[in-house]
């Protein structure tokens, strides 16, 4: 399970906690796609304990976006290397 929270009045921070796996990969992608495109967004993944292959692929794609900043736990960051 993955808990996804959009924080702040300007909706510029998204915090995820849990496991980024299975159907939760698409859910995180959908949640990010619903945010305003004009603003930079911080994706806080410090409470994500696991990411499967699809989750890692999504995070690698997101990392390439110039308007999205990832904050990862050491475990998730190591998977993205």
C-alpha atoms as a PDB file:
ATOM      1  CA  UNK A   1       0.000   0.000   0.000  1.00  0.00           C
ATOM      2  CA  UNK A   2       1.119   3.537  -0.718  1.00  0.00           C
ATOM      3  CA  UNK A   3      -0.264   6.648   0.981  1.00  0.00           C
ATOM      4  CA  UNK A   4      -0.102   9.722  -1.262  1.00  0.00           C
ATOM      5  CA  UNK A   5      -0.666  13.221   0.137  1.00  0.00           C
ATOM      6  CA  UNK A   6      -0.683  16.493  -1.772  1.00  0.00           C
ATOM      7  CA  UNK A   7       0.422  19.214   0.647  1.00  0.00           C
ATOM      8  CA  UNK A   8       0.279  22.973   0.746  1.00  0.00           C
ATOM      9  CA  UNK A   9      -2.124  25.541  -0.600  1.00  0.00           C
ATOM     10  CA  UNK A  10      -0.145  25.743  -3.819  1.00  0.00           C
ATOM     11  CA  UNK A  11      -0.002  21.912  -4.095  1.00  0.00           C
ATOM     12  CA  UNK A  12       3.743  21.905  -4.645  1.00  0.00           C
ATOM     13  CA  UNK A  13       4.666  19.030  -2.341  1.00  0.00           C
ATOM     14  CA  UNK A  14       3.600  15.425  -2.756  1.00  0.00           C
ATOM     15  CA  UNK A  15       4.490  13.005   0.011  1.00  0.00           C
ATOM     16  CA  UNK A  16       4.346   9.248  -0.454  1.00  0.00           C
ATOM     17  CA  UNK A  17       4.745   6.604   2.241  1.00  0.00           C
ATOM     18  CA  UNK A  18       4.744   2.823   2.005  1.00  0.00           C
ATOM     19  CA  UNK A  19       5.510   0.541  -0.917  1.00  0.00           C
ATOM     20  CA  UNK A  20       5.701   1.840  -4.481  1.00  0.00           C
ATOM     21  CA  UNK A  21       4.664  -1.380  -6.205  1.00  0.00           C
ATOM     22  CA  UNK A  22       1.922  -2.862  -8.356  1.00  0.00           C
ATOM     23  CA  UNK A  23      -1.116  -0.629  -8.866  1.00  0.00           C
ATOM     24  CA  UNK A  24       0.367   2.093  -6.655  1.00  0.00           C
ATOM     25  CA  UNK A  25       2.890   2.995  -9.366  1.00  0.00           C
ATOM     26  CA  UNK A  26       0.088   4.067 -11.713  1.00  0.00           C
ATOM     27  CA  UNK A  27      -1.707   5.813  -8.841  1.00  0.00           C
ATOM     28  CA  UNK A  28       1.352   7.936  -8.014  1.00  0.00           C
ATOM     29  CA  UNK A  29       1.811   8.781 -11.685  1.00  0.00           C
ATOM     30  CA  UNK A  30      -1.849   9.813 -11.938  1.00  0.00           C
ATOM     31  CA  UNK A  31      -1.612  11.956  -8.797  1.00  0.00           C
ATOM     32  CA  UNK A  32       1.403  13.785 -10.202  1.00  0.00           C
ATOM     33  CA  UNK A  33      -0.249  14.278 -13.595  1.00  0.00           C
ATOM     34  CA  UNK A  34      -3.173  16.048 -11.879  1.00  0.00           C
ATOM     35  CA  UNK A  35      -0.925  18.774 -10.451  1.00  0.00           C
ATOM     36  CA  UNK A  36      -0.607  22.133 -12.204  1.00  0.00           C
ATOM     37  CA  UNK A  37       2.033  21.932 -14.933  1.00  0.00           C
ATOM     38  CA  UNK A  38       3.244  25.482 -14.367  1.00  0.00           C
ATOM     39  CA  UNK A  39       4.806  24.845 -10.966  1.00  0.00           C
ATOM     40  CA  UNK A  40       7.818  22.949  -9.739  1.00  0.00           C
ATOM     41  CA  UNK A  41       6.904  20.059  -7.441  1.00  0.00           C
ATOM     42  CA  UNK A  42       8.798  18.326  -4.656  1.00  0.00           C
ATOM     43  CA  UNK A  43       8.135  14.589  -4.371  1.00  0.00           C
ATOM     44  CA  UNK A  44       8.969  13.456  -0.848  1.00  0.00           C
ATOM     45  CA  UNK A  45       9.741   9.721  -0.881  1.00  0.00           C
ATOM     46  CA  UNK A  46      11.603   9.565   2.415  1.00  0.00           C
ATOM     47  CA  UNK A  47       8.947   7.233   3.844  1.00  0.00           C
ATOM     48  CA  UNK A  48       8.848   4.867   0.852  1.00  0.00           C
ATOM     49  CA  UNK A  49      10.256   1.559   2.053  1.00  0.00           C
ATOM     50  CA  UNK A  50      10.264  -0.351  -1.244  1.00  0.00           C
ATOM     51  CA  UNK A  51       9.941   0.234  -4.988  1.00  0.00           C
ATOM     52  CA  UNK A  52       9.417  -2.589  -7.484  1.00  0.00           C
ATOM     53  CA  UNK A  53      10.824  -2.571 -11.034  1.00  0.00           C
ATOM     54  CA  UNK A  54       7.957  -0.451 -12.380  1.00  0.00           C
ATOM     55  CA  UNK A  55       8.227   1.916  -9.435  1.00  0.00           C
ATOM     56  CA  UNK A  56      11.949   2.394 -10.005  1.00  0.00           C
ATOM     57  CA  UNK A  57      11.320   2.982 -13.727  1.00  0.00           C
ATOM     58  CA  UNK A  58       8.723   5.651 -12.895  1.00  0.00           C
ATOM     59  CA  UNK A  59      11.063   7.372 -10.444  1.00  0.00           C
ATOM     60  CA  UNK A  60      13.897   7.384 -12.976  1.00  0.00           C
ATOM     61  CA  UNK A  61      11.571   8.996 -15.519  1.00  0.00           C
ATOM     62  CA  UNK A  62      10.382  11.540 -12.950  1.00  0.00           C
ATOM     63  CA  UNK A  63      13.954  12.357 -11.947  1.00  0.00           C
ATOM     64  CA  UNK A  64      14.606  13.540 -15.522  1.00  0.00           C
ATOM     65  CA  UNK A  65      11.816  16.130 -15.277  1.00  0.00           C
ATOM     66  CA  UNK A  66      13.219  19.565 -14.693  1.00  0.00           C
ATOM     67  CA  UNK A  67      10.179  20.703 -12.739  1.00  0.00           C
ATOM     68  CA  UNK A  68      10.174  17.807 -10.251  1.00  0.00           C
ATOM     69  CA  UNK A  69      12.543  17.452  -7.319  1.00  0.00           C
ATOM     70  CA  UNK A  70      12.829  14.039  -5.649  1.00  0.00           C
ATOM     71  CA  UNK A  71      13.624  13.600  -1.962  1.00  0.00           C
ATOM     72  CA  UNK A  72      14.382   9.929  -1.421  1.00  0.00           C
ATOM     73  CA  UNK A  73      15.384   7.659   1.395  1.00  0.00           C
ATOM     74  CA  UNK A  74      18.877   6.191   1.077  1.00  0.00           C
ATOM     75  CA  UNK A  75      17.345   2.845   0.073  1.00  0.00           C
ATOM     76  CA  UNK A  76      15.269   4.271  -2.789  1.00  0.00           C
ATOM     77  CA  UNK A  77      18.103   6.550  -3.877  1.00  0.00           C
ATOM     78  CA  UNK A  78      20.405   3.531  -4.164  1.00  0.00           C
ATOM     79  CA  UNK A  79      17.867   1.794  -6.399  1.00  0.00           C
ATOM     80  CA  UNK A  80      17.807   4.787  -8.733  1.00  0.00           C
ATOM     81  CA  UNK A  81      21.585   4.853  -9.186  1.00  0.00           C
END
